[in-house]
Amino acid sequence: MKAYYSFVLSTALLLPLAFASASASASPECSVTFNGEDKTGEFFVVDPDSGEKYVDCVGSSKCRDAVIEHCPVIRCGENESCNSAQILEFTDYVTCEGTHACHRANMTASDLGNGPIVRCSGGGACDVAVIKGRSLDEVTCTGPKSCRKAHIEGPRIVRCHEGHESARACEGSSTFETRCLYCGKNGCEEYINMCKYKIITGDYEATSDGDGIHNVFETESYQTCEPETLMGDCPDGSESQLHLELTGLEEIQAVQDTIDDEEMSVIEQIEAAEGINAEEVMEEINGMDEEP
């Protein structure tokens, strides 16, 4: 009997420790605060179409100066929507769409993320932003000055493209530390004071003082960005994608894909309505177009 009570007592003492340990190891919950006031319930919503949970920062200056932590998806849209926001430990992706959408924002990807990405799209979308993360998969800078003066560390690839001849996507002292730098059409400036990079070549290693880790780089000093070029160890298909972009074939392919999608939609409608093999019908139509 004494042994039984001893077991019960020891179990009662250990259970709170076990729960405390489990809580400590669990992933922190998403939080959105403004000046210390919790606004998570108002801003962390569910997309009615996809069911995706995300932080809704779509609206002019809607999330200016917000602190957004441990959230999977953050959508910043319209003028200055996430100006000076602290977007910390995100796990999936951040979209910055619109003029200065993420102007001066500080973004840090979580090490728990599965290849998180950041999309900067629009004039000055990520102007003077800081984007960091060892787990980052991709940062895309699309549009004139979309990543002007941005500082980006850690991603597998940084893409700079679709700027303007007089306003490249990555300029104004843009700085990159990445495994691959993709400089597409009107993507990168060609002067070191305007666009510079270091290529990450190895795994992260401990600092000499044991106070953290750092990247292993191909060169000690920054190199000048090279317009319309790939630099570093780039993902498969990057070279052909760059070629398509620079020759204008990428836009043609996009239009063709849209046409193909529309044709398939017609095919599906015919099959549903008539119960026939619509692909054969479409082949006959195409054949008639080719007849003299």
Foldseek 3Di string as FASTA:
>chain_A
DVVVVVVVVVCVVCVVVVVVVVVVPDQDDKFKDDPRHTPCVPFFDADPPPRDTEGDLADACSQDQMEIEAAAEYEFHEHCSHEQYEAEQHAAEYEQYYACSHHQYEHEHHPPHQAHEYEQEYHCSQALYEYEYQSHAEYEQAEFCSQWNYEYDHYQEYEFDHYDPVGGSQWNQYEEEHQKYAAAHSGFDFDNNIYWYWHFDDDWDADPVNPGTDTHTPDPDIDGDDHLDMDHDHDPPSVVVRVCRRVVVVVVVVVVVVVVVVVVVVQVVCCVVPVDRSVVVVVVVVVVVPDD
